[in-house]
């Protein structure tokens, strides 16, 4: 079995405690709580101190697709920042980027978005409305470029795009950009959902519908029926100045039921 190296800023991560010290979530200890996504993602990879262990649900997801089965993980990069464009402002903060190659010896990048029942941010329309209240904001230009690159349209011409969640848009764009930066042949965007008594069923349903609506607006996915634990793809986006069109995209969602692991 190959050794996976988790690290950030040249600091090696060997435990949940190391993860917090080296790559804390944006709001630090406020977001580092049992049952919530940031800490549970770390616990999923480090059930004990030492060598990271691939979560079984992620392994099964990758093995569900002939193009990604037999995936070999080489590196894990928690809280990894990806620039979406050359505008000033925040970068895409990916919960976890995984580097490796498939059983077909293709280099691949897996971008993981960890989620309990927190929303996938506001909608694209809400983000646009908020940004237009700030003079000189680059967000409208960023959204226009990302929507054109991923969907081949804009919220102005395709109102349904405005109803999508902003975090899913930047997540997929970031996955493709990181794959290009790493000279990878495949890009994967994976939602890793953590369910427990601390999460609200209503919020999970909202997230599930938001995920379904997003996937179905991706190119050639109008009739897709995304199932948990199954990849959708390959998807070929139109691409743009920053987002590559030449790299096949796969998207999927996995679920870890924390109640069954007590």
Protein backbone atom coordinates (compact mmCIF):
# COMPACT_ATOMS: atom_id res chain seq x y z
CA UNK A 1 0.00 0.00 0.00
CA UNK A 2 1.32 3.44 -0.92
CA UNK A 3 2.00 6.03 1.78
CA UNK A 4 -0.21 9.12 1.59
CA UNK A 5 1.38 12.35 2.71
CA UNK A 6 -0.88 15.00 4.23
CA UNK A 7 0.75 18.39 4.63
CA UNK A 8 0.43 22.16 4.43
CA UNK A 9 3.14 24.79 4.21
CA UNK A 10 5.80 22.07 4.53
CA UNK A 11 4.30 20.83 7.81
CA UNK A 12 3.36 17.15 7.82
CA UNK A 13 -0.04 16.16 9.24
CA UNK A 14 -0.26 12.88 11.17
CA UNK A 15 -3.40 13.38 13.28
CA UNK A 16 -6.60 15.34 13.81
CA UNK A 17 -4.68 17.57 16.22
CA UNK A 18 -1.99 18.24 13.61
CA UNK A 19 -4.70 19.09 11.07
CA UNK A 20 -6.15 21.74 13.40
CA UNK A 21 -2.74 23.18 14.21
CA UNK A 22 -1.49 23.30 10.61
CA UNK A 23 -4.66 23.78 8.54
CA UNK A 24 -7.46 25.14 10.76
CA UNK A 25 -10.84 26.04 9.25
CA UNK A 26 -11.45 29.69 8.44
CA UNK A 27 -13.15 30.42 11.77
CA UNK A 28 -10.83 28.25 13.83
CA UNK A 29 -12.20 26.50 16.89
CA UNK A 30 -15.69 27.86 16.23
CA UNK A 31 -15.91 25.46 13.28
CA UNK A 32 -13.87 22.68 14.90
CA UNK A 33 -16.70 20.74 16.58
CA UNK A 34 -17.60 17.05 16.72
CA UNK A 35 -20.40 16.34 14.29
CA UNK A 36 -19.59 19.30 12.06
CA UNK A 37 -17.88 19.05 8.71
CA UNK A 38 -14.39 20.49 9.32
CA UNK A 39 -13.47 18.25 12.25
CA UNK A 40 -15.30 15.19 10.91
CA UNK A 41 -13.39 15.37 7.64
CA UNK A 42 -10.13 15.26 9.60
CA UNK A 43 -11.42 12.40 11.75
CA UNK A 44 -12.47 10.47 8.63
CA UNK A 45 -8.87 10.50 7.39
CA UNK A 46 -7.20 10.14 10.79
CA UNK A 47 -9.18 7.73 12.98
CA UNK A 48 -5.91 7.41 14.86
CA UNK A 49 -2.54 9.11 14.77
CA UNK A 50 -0.18 8.03 12.01
CA UNK A 51 -0.77 7.12 8.40
CA UNK A 52 -3.96 8.62 6.95
CA UNK A 53 -6.64 6.11 5.96
CA UNK A 54 -8.83 6.55 2.88
CA UNK A 55 -12.48 6.76 3.97
CA UNK A 56 -14.27 3.67 2.66
CA UNK A 57 -17.12 5.71 1.18
CA UNK A 58 -14.66 7.73 -0.91
CA UNK A 59 -12.90 4.56 -2.06
CA UNK A 60 -16.24 3.07 -3.13
CA UNK A 61 -17.16 6.25 -5.00
CA UNK A 62 -13.97 6.18 -7.06
CA UNK A 63 -14.27 2.45 -7.70
CA UNK A 64 -17.84 2.97 -8.99
CA UNK A 65 -16.47 4.47 -12.21
CA UNK A 66 -14.20 2.62 -14.67
CA UNK A 67 -12.19 5.79 -15.33
CA UNK A 68 -11.30 6.28 -11.65
CA UNK A 69 -11.32 2.82 -10.09
CA UNK A 70 -8.14 1.65 -8.44
CA UNK A 71 -7.28 5.20 -7.41
CA UNK A 72 -3.90 5.63 -5.72
CA UNK A 73 -3.64 8.59 -3.34
CA UNK A 74 -0.30 10.35 -3.02
CA UNK A 75 -0.93 13.65 -1.23
CA UNK A 76 -3.60 15.40 0.81
CA UNK A 77 -3.72 19.20 1.07
CA UNK A 78 -6.25 20.45 3.68
CA UNK A 79 -7.63 24.00 3.47
CA UNK A 80 -6.02 24.48 0.08
CA UNK A 81 -6.44 27.83 -1.65
CA UNK A 82 -7.07 28.02 -5.40
CA UNK A 83 -7.12 31.28 -7.30
CA UNK A 84 -10.17 31.44 -9.57
CA UNK A 85 -8.99 34.45 -11.60
CA UNK A 86 -6.70 37.45 -11.46
CA UNK A 87 -9.15 39.70 -9.65
CA UNK A 88 -8.46 40.91 -6.15
CA UNK A 89 -10.38 39.21 -3.37
CA UNK A 90 -10.68 35.86 -1.69
CA UNK A 91 -9.51 32.65 -3.33
CA UNK A 92 -11.46 29.41 -3.43
CA UNK A 93 -10.76 27.65 -0.13
CA UNK A 94 -10.99 23.91 -0.77
CA UNK A 95 -11.55 21.78 2.33
CA UNK A 96 -9.25 19.08 0.98
CA UNK A 97 -7.37 18.55 -2.28
CA UNK A 98 -6.20 15.01 -2.99
CA UNK A 99 -3.53 14.24 -5.56
CA UNK A 100 -3.01 10.83 -7.11
CA UNK A 101 -3.60 8.70 -10.16
CA UNK A 102 -6.20 6.26 -11.36
CA UNK A 103 -5.83 2.58 -12.05
CA UNK A 104 -5.40 3.60 -15.67
CA UNK A 105 -2.31 5.59 -14.63
CA UNK A 106 -3.96 8.95 -15.27
CA UNK A 107 -2.98 11.78 -12.97
CA UNK A 108 -6.04 13.17 -11.19
CA UNK A 109 -7.04 15.82 -8.67
CA UNK A 110 -9.93 15.30 -6.25
CA UNK A 111 -11.37 18.44 -4.64
CA UNK A 112 -13.44 17.66 -1.55
CA UNK A 113 -16.15 19.89 -0.10
CA UNK A 114 -17.00 18.71 3.42
CA UNK A 115 -20.55 19.35 4.57
CA UNK A 116 -22.80 18.54 7.52
CA UNK A 117 -26.03 20.49 7.07
CA UNK A 118 -24.49 23.89 6.38
CA UNK A 119 -25.75 25.41 3.09
CA UNK A 120 -23.61 25.59 -0.01
CA UNK A 121 -23.34 29.34 0.61
CA UNK A 122 -25.91 31.78 -0.79
CA UNK A 123 -27.35 31.57 -4.29
CA UNK A 124 -25.52 33.15 -7.21
CA UNK A 125 -28.23 35.81 -7.46
CA UNK A 126 -27.88 36.66 -3.77
CA UNK A 127 -24.11 36.92 -4.12
CA UNK A 128 -24.56 39.23 -7.12
CA UNK A 129 -27.03 41.44 -5.29
CA UNK A 130 -24.71 41.78 -2.30
CA UNK A 131 -21.70 42.57 -4.47
CA UNK A 132 -23.50 45.28 -6.46
CA UNK A 133 -23.97 47.18 -3.22
CA UNK A 134 -20.18 47.43 -2.91
CA UNK A 135 -18.58 49.89 -5.29
CA UNK A 136 -15.76 48.38 -7.33
CA UNK A 137 -16.55 44.76 -6.49
CA UNK A 138 -15.12 42.19 -8.90
CA UNK A 139 -17.69 39.55 -7.96
CA UNK A 140 -20.06 40.26 -10.91
CA UNK A 141 -17.20 39.80 -13.38
CA UNK A 142 -16.02 36.67 -11.58
CA UNK A 143 -19.49 35.14 -11.62
CA UNK A 144 -19.98 36.01 -15.29
CA UNK A 145 -16.70 34.34 -16.24
CA UNK A 146 -17.30 31.26 -14.09
CA UNK A 147 -20.87 30.73 -15.29
CA UNK A 148 -19.80 31.06 -18.90
CA UNK A 149 -16.89 28.65 -18.36
CA UNK A 150 -18.93 26.00 -16.52
CA UNK A 151 -22.41 26.34 -18.04
CA UNK A 152 -21.93 28.35 -21.23
CA UNK A 153 -24.34 31.03 -20.05
CA UNK A 154 -24.99 33.71 -17.48
CA UNK A 155 -27.61 34.40 -14.79
CA UNK A 156 -28.87 37.27 -16.95
CA UNK A 157 -29.63 35.06 -19.95
CA UNK A 158 -30.35 31.85 -18.00
CA UNK A 159 -32.24 32.74 -14.80
CA UNK A 160 -31.99 29.18 -13.44
CA UNK A 161 -28.24 29.71 -13.01
CA UNK A 162 -28.95 32.43 -10.49
CA UNK A 163 -30.77 29.93 -8.29
CA UNK A 164 -27.68 27.72 -7.96
CA UNK A 165 -25.45 27.86 -4.89
CA UNK A 166 -22.31 29.94 -5.23
CA UNK A 167 -20.10 27.46 -3.37
CA UNK A 168 -20.87 24.70 -5.86
CA UNK A 169 -19.98 27.00 -8.76
CA UNK A 170 -16.63 27.97 -7.26
CA UNK A 171 -16.01 24.41 -6.07
CA UNK A 172 -16.27 22.90 -9.56
CA UNK A 173 -14.32 25.75 -11.12
CA UNK A 174 -11.62 25.38 -8.48
CA UNK A 175 -11.40 21.63 -9.10
CA UNK A 176 -10.79 22.16 -12.81
CA UNK A 177 -8.31 24.98 -12.26
CA UNK A 178 -6.34 22.95 -9.71
CA UNK A 179 -6.27 19.99 -12.11
CA UNK A 180 -4.83 22.25 -14.80
CA UNK A 181 -2.29 23.68 -12.34
CA UNK A 182 -1.19 20.13 -11.47
CA UNK A 183 -1.14 19.02 -15.14
CA UNK A 184 -3.69 16.33 -14.30
CA UNK A 185 -5.75 14.40 -16.82
CA UNK A 186 -8.93 14.31 -14.69
CA UNK A 187 -10.68 16.64 -12.24
CA UNK A 188 -13.11 15.42 -9.58
CA UNK A 189 -15.37 17.47 -7.32
CA UNK A 190 -16.73 15.47 -4.38
CA UNK A 191 -19.12 16.50 -1.62
CA UNK A 192 -18.40 14.55 1.58
CA UNK A 193 -21.51 14.79 3.76
CA UNK A 194 -21.53 13.95 7.47
CA UNK A 195 -24.83 13.01 9.09
CA UNK A 196 -25.53 12.80 12.81
CA UNK A 197 -28.10 13.79 15.43
CA UNK A 198 -26.60 17.29 15.28
CA UNK A 199 -27.73 17.96 11.72
CA UNK A 200 -31.23 18.98 10.67
CA UNK A 201 -33.13 16.73 8.20
CA UNK A 202 -34.69 19.82 6.61
CA UNK A 203 -31.28 21.30 5.91
CA UNK A 204 -30.05 18.01 4.45
CA UNK A 205 -33.04 17.99 2.09
CA UNK A 206 -32.31 21.55 0.97
CA UNK A 207 -28.68 20.65 0.30
CA UNK A 208 -29.71 17.52 -1.58
CA UNK A 209 -32.02 19.51 -3.85
CA UNK A 210 -29.38 22.19 -4.37
CA UNK A 211 -26.88 19.50 -5.37
CA UNK A 212 -29.34 17.86 -7.77
CA UNK A 213 -30.24 21.18 -9.42
CA UNK A 214 -26.59 22.07 -9.85
CA UNK A 215 -25.58 18.75 -11.40
CA UNK A 216 -28.50 18.80 -13.83
CA UNK A 217 -27.44 22.17 -15.23
CA UNK A 218 -23.92 20.95 -15.99
CA UNK A 219 -23.30 20.21 -19.70
CA UNK A 220 -25.02 17.00 -20.91
CA UNK A 221 -26.38 16.30 -17.41
CA UNK A 222 -29.97 17.51 -17.82
CA UNK A 223 -31.33 13.97 -17.33
CA UNK A 224 -28.80 12.93 -14.69
CA UNK A 225 -30.01 11.16 -11.57
CA UNK A 226 -27.00 11.55 -9.27
CA UNK A 227 -26.89 8.89 -6.57
CA UNK A 228 -24.87 9.06 -3.38
CA UNK A 229 -21.74 6.98 -3.89
CA UNK A 230 -21.80 7.21 -7.70
CA UNK A 231 -19.81 9.52 -9.95
CA UNK A 232 -21.39 11.54 -12.75
CA UNK A 233 -19.17 12.12 -15.78
CA UNK A 234 -17.17 12.65 -17.80
CA UNK A 235 -18.44 16.21 -18.14
CA UNK A 236 -16.83 18.60 -20.60
CA UNK A 237 -17.38 22.26 -19.73
CA UNK A 238 -17.07 25.10 -22.28
CA UNK A 239 -14.10 26.53 -20.39
CA UNK A 240 -12.78 30.07 -20.40
CA UNK A 241 -9.82 32.27 -19.62
CA UNK A 242 -9.10 30.54 -16.32
CA UNK A 243 -11.16 27.33 -16.36
CA UNK A 244 -9.85 24.64 -18.74
CA UNK A 245 -12.18 22.96 -21.23
CA UNK A 246 -9.81 20.11 -22.05
CA UNK A 247 -9.96 18.29 -18.69
CA UNK A 248 -12.85 15.85 -18.11
CA UNK A 249 -14.80 16.58 -14.92
CA UNK A 250 -16.46 14.05 -12.61
CA UNK A 251 -18.75 15.01 -9.74
CA UNK A 252 -20.14 12.95 -6.89
CA UNK A 253 -21.34 12.87 -3.32
CA UNK A 254 -20.56 10.48 -0.47
CA UNK A 255 -22.20 10.19 2.93
CA UNK A 256 -20.78 9.16 6.30
CA UNK A 257 -23.41 8.34 8.94
CA UNK A 258 -21.68 9.14 12.22
CA UNK A 259 -24.40 7.42 14.27
CA UNK A 260 -23.40 4.03 12.87
CA UNK A 261 -19.78 4.60 13.91
CA UNK A 262 -20.36 5.11 17.62
